[in-house]
């Protein structure tokens, strides 16, 4: 007697493809935002005036008031879409952990790191956005005062590397999934991911140090 092993396997429908595209687009948008955000905030390294001038521009044009909530919405939508594939049940987590150890596949481990970091970023990122958006206008003095509190400093020392690691992996995985990174250029893609992560973590660390030294 033969057993039909395909009876529980269903082919993905068109809606799943649309949701994957939306997940990719929101992810790519958030990656671009995070890199841009880091560069803009790091303007404080050049001086308080540089950061305050940029902050004033975003306030005067309404981009902070409108863009902030939109980014928050994109953040939540992206998490909801990605959560479709995240194992939340303990049994599922045990299975995927067992498979990851058995396969010894780098991209599988990267996905686990990305999924795990997403849980922490969802909570900490929401706290950060709420704190900033409910205390407008943004200024170097306000940011420095917050970072100079040891609780917030520890908060950002955890959030910074997690976000940049998550973003770097996301950049790499988008490239792999949609064919920009292939077998023939995968080594280059891996190197780019590592370099980008190191660069932006370094920029973030220098920015935190600058905030700590502001009077």
Protein backbone atom coordinates (compact mmCIF):
# COMPACT_ATOMS: atom_id res chain seq x y z
CA UNK A 1 0.00 0.00 0.00
CA UNK A 2 1.31 3.43 -0.89
CA UNK A 3 0.83 6.59 1.12
CA UNK A 4 0.18 9.94 -0.50
CA UNK A 5 2.82 12.15 1.10
CA UNK A 6 1.63 15.27 -0.74
CA UNK A 7 -1.83 15.39 0.77
CA UNK A 8 -0.86 18.05 3.34
CA UNK A 9 1.16 20.20 0.93
CA UNK A 10 -0.68 23.05 -0.75
CA UNK A 11 0.72 25.12 -3.57
CA UNK A 12 1.14 28.81 -2.72
CA UNK A 13 -1.54 30.95 -4.29
CA UNK A 14 -1.35 34.30 -5.99
CA UNK A 15 -2.18 36.10 -2.74
CA UNK A 16 0.93 34.61 -1.12
CA UNK A 17 3.04 36.01 -3.96
CA UNK A 18 1.49 39.46 -3.52
CA UNK A 19 2.15 39.33 0.22
CA UNK A 20 5.76 38.31 -0.43
CA UNK A 21 6.16 41.27 -2.76
CA UNK A 22 4.67 43.61 -0.18
CA UNK A 23 6.96 42.16 2.48
CA UNK A 24 9.95 42.73 0.22
CA UNK A 25 8.90 46.29 -0.65
CA UNK A 26 8.26 47.31 2.96
CA UNK A 27 11.52 45.64 3.98
CA UNK A 28 13.49 47.43 1.27
CA UNK A 29 11.86 50.73 2.23
CA UNK A 30 12.71 50.24 5.90
CA UNK A 31 16.31 49.32 5.02
CA UNK A 32 16.65 52.54 3.03
CA UNK A 33 15.04 54.50 5.86
CA UNK A 34 17.31 53.04 8.53
CA UNK A 35 20.48 53.78 6.57
CA UNK A 36 19.27 57.31 5.78
CA UNK A 37 18.17 57.83 9.39
CA UNK A 38 21.57 56.76 10.68
CA UNK A 39 23.39 59.11 8.33
CA UNK A 40 21.12 62.04 9.25
CA UNK A 41 21.43 61.49 13.00
CA UNK A 42 25.19 61.09 12.67
CA UNK A 43 25.29 64.69 11.40
CA UNK A 44 25.72 65.57 15.09
CA UNK A 45 29.32 64.37 14.67
CA UNK A 46 29.85 67.43 12.47
CA UNK A 47 28.26 69.65 15.07
CA UNK A 48 25.07 70.41 16.97
CA UNK A 49 24.12 73.01 14.36
CA UNK A 50 24.24 70.47 11.54
CA UNK A 51 21.83 68.07 13.24
CA UNK A 52 19.50 70.84 14.43
CA UNK A 53 19.36 72.34 10.93
CA UNK A 54 18.34 68.99 9.44
CA UNK A 55 15.79 68.45 12.21
CA UNK A 56 14.33 71.92 11.59
CA UNK A 57 14.01 71.16 7.87
CA UNK A 58 12.03 67.98 8.53
CA UNK A 59 9.86 69.78 11.08
CA UNK A 60 9.19 72.83 8.86
CA UNK A 61 8.24 70.69 5.88
CA UNK A 62 6.00 68.42 7.97
CA UNK A 63 8.04 65.38 7.02
CA UNK A 64 8.67 64.47 10.65
CA UNK A 65 5.01 64.74 11.64
CA UNK A 66 3.77 62.78 8.61
CA UNK A 67 6.75 60.58 7.83
CA UNK A 68 7.19 59.31 11.37
CA UNK A 69 3.73 57.69 11.66
CA UNK A 70 4.04 56.33 8.09
CA UNK A 71 7.35 54.69 8.95
CA UNK A 72 5.75 53.27 12.09
CA UNK A 73 2.91 51.85 9.98
CA UNK A 74 5.35 50.33 7.48
CA UNK A 75 7.28 48.87 10.42
CA UNK A 76 4.16 47.13 11.78
CA UNK A 77 2.97 45.95 8.35
CA UNK A 78 6.38 44.48 7.56
CA UNK A 79 6.45 42.64 10.89
CA UNK A 80 2.94 41.26 10.36
CA UNK A 81 3.86 40.00 6.88
CA UNK A 82 7.14 38.46 8.06
CA UNK A 83 5.39 36.86 11.06
CA UNK A 84 3.50 34.58 8.64
CA UNK A 85 6.66 32.49 8.35
CA UNK A 86 8.02 32.78 11.88
CA UNK A 87 7.57 29.70 14.12
CA UNK A 88 5.94 30.93 17.32
CA UNK A 89 4.97 27.57 18.82
CA UNK A 90 7.57 25.77 20.91
CA UNK A 91 7.23 22.60 18.85
CA UNK A 92 7.87 24.52 15.63
CA UNK A 93 10.88 26.27 17.14
CA UNK A 94 12.40 22.95 18.20
CA UNK A 95 11.95 21.54 14.70
CA UNK A 96 13.51 24.47 12.88
CA UNK A 97 16.39 24.62 15.39
CA UNK A 98 17.03 20.91 14.84
CA UNK A 99 16.96 21.35 11.07
CA UNK A 100 19.31 24.33 11.22
CA UNK A 101 21.88 22.32 13.19
CA UNK A 102 21.50 19.38 10.82
CA UNK A 103 21.80 21.39 7.61
CA UNK A 104 24.75 23.59 8.70
CA UNK A 105 23.54 26.12 6.12
CA UNK A 106 24.65 29.71 6.57
CA UNK A 107 21.50 31.26 5.10
CA UNK A 108 19.31 29.18 7.42
CA UNK A 109 21.19 30.52 10.44
CA UNK A 110 20.91 34.04 9.05
CA UNK A 111 17.14 33.65 8.83
CA UNK A 112 17.01 32.47 12.44
CA UNK A 113 19.08 35.46 13.56
CA UNK A 114 16.86 37.78 11.56
CA UNK A 115 13.66 36.29 12.98
CA UNK A 116 14.98 36.39 16.54
CA UNK A 117 16.24 39.95 16.28
CA UNK A 118 12.91 41.03 14.80
CA UNK A 119 11.11 40.13 18.04
CA UNK A 120 13.40 42.40 20.06
CA UNK A 121 13.40 45.19 17.48
CA UNK A 122 9.60 45.21 17.38
CA UNK A 123 9.47 46.07 21.08
CA UNK A 124 12.50 48.34 21.33
CA UNK A 125 11.89 50.07 18.00
CA UNK A 126 8.32 50.86 19.03
CA UNK A 127 9.57 52.37 22.30
CA UNK A 128 12.15 54.48 20.44
CA UNK A 129 9.67 55.78 17.85
CA UNK A 130 7.02 56.58 20.46
CA UNK A 131 9.56 58.43 22.63
CA UNK A 132 10.85 60.53 19.73
CA UNK A 133 7.51 61.26 18.03
CA UNK A 134 5.79 62.30 21.25
CA UNK A 135 8.58 64.74 22.08
CA UNK A 136 8.90 66.76 18.89
CA UNK A 137 10.75 68.78 17.74
CA UNK A 138 13.87 66.65 17.51
CA UNK A 139 17.08 68.34 18.61
CA UNK A 140 20.66 67.38 19.38
CA UNK A 141 20.21 68.56 22.97
CA UNK A 142 17.19 66.31 23.56
CA UNK A 143 18.89 63.31 21.99
CA UNK A 144 22.05 63.90 24.02
CA UNK A 145 20.10 64.27 27.27
CA UNK A 146 18.37 60.96 26.59
CA UNK A 147 21.54 59.06 25.66
CA UNK A 148 23.35 60.42 28.73
CA UNK A 149 20.91 58.54 30.97
CA UNK A 150 22.48 55.13 31.57
CA UNK A 151 19.19 53.28 31.02
CA UNK A 152 18.79 54.80 27.57
CA UNK A 153 22.45 54.29 26.78
CA UNK A 154 22.13 50.55 27.47
CA UNK A 155 18.92 50.56 25.44
CA UNK A 156 20.66 51.98 22.37
CA UNK A 157 23.75 49.81 22.84
CA UNK A 158 21.44 46.82 22.41
CA UNK A 159 19.16 48.29 19.74
CA UNK A 160 21.89 49.65 17.47
CA UNK A 161 23.72 46.40 16.63
CA UNK A 162 20.47 44.42 16.48
CA UNK A 163 18.92 46.82 13.96
CA UNK A 164 22.00 46.98 11.76
CA UNK A 165 22.45 43.20 11.88
CA UNK A 166 18.79 42.69 10.99
CA UNK A 167 18.97 45.28 8.20
CA UNK A 168 22.19 43.85 6.78
CA UNK A 169 20.77 40.32 6.70
CA UNK A 170 17.55 41.64 5.19
CA UNK A 171 19.50 43.38 2.43
CA UNK A 172 21.34 40.14 1.67
CA UNK A 173 18.23 37.94 1.77
CA UNK A 174 16.29 40.26 -0.54
CA UNK A 175 19.16 39.99 -3.00
CA UNK A 176 19.17 36.18 -2.78
CA UNK A 177 15.39 35.75 -2.94
CA UNK A 178 14.85 38.01 -5.91
CA UNK A 179 17.89 36.89 -7.89
CA UNK A 180 20.26 39.84 -7.47
CA UNK A 181 22.66 37.66 -5.49
CA UNK A 182 23.31 34.36 -7.25
CA UNK A 183 25.68 31.45 -6.78
CA UNK A 184 28.35 33.11 -8.93
CA UNK A 185 28.39 36.35 -6.90
CA UNK A 186 27.23 35.11 -3.49
CA UNK A 187 30.65 35.58 -1.88
CA UNK A 188 30.57 39.21 -2.94
CA UNK A 189 27.05 39.56 -1.55
CA UNK A 190 28.11 38.09 1.81
CA UNK A 191 31.07 40.47 1.96
CA UNK A 192 28.85 43.46 1.13
CA UNK A 193 26.45 42.50 3.91
CA UNK A 194 29.26 42.30 6.46
CA UNK A 195 30.85 45.57 5.34
CA UNK A 196 27.56 47.48 5.42
CA UNK A 197 26.74 46.14 8.88
CA UNK A 198 30.16 47.07 10.26
CA UNK A 199 30.06 50.53 8.65
CA UNK A 200 26.65 51.47 10.04
CA UNK A 201 27.31 50.01 13.49
CA UNK A 202 30.50 52.09 13.57
CA UNK A 203 28.63 55.23 12.51
CA UNK A 204 26.04 54.57 15.19
CA UNK A 205 28.70 54.01 17.85
CA UNK A 206 30.45 57.27 16.95
CA UNK A 207 27.10 59.06 17.10
CA UNK A 208 26.40 57.72 20.59
CA UNK A 209 29.87 58.77 21.72
CA UNK A 210 29.25 62.26 20.34
CA UNK A 211 25.95 62.53 22.22
CA UNK A 212 27.71 61.44 25.42
CA UNK A 213 30.26 64.23 25.06
CA UNK A 214 27.74 67.02 24.43
CA UNK A 215 27.32 69.40 27.35
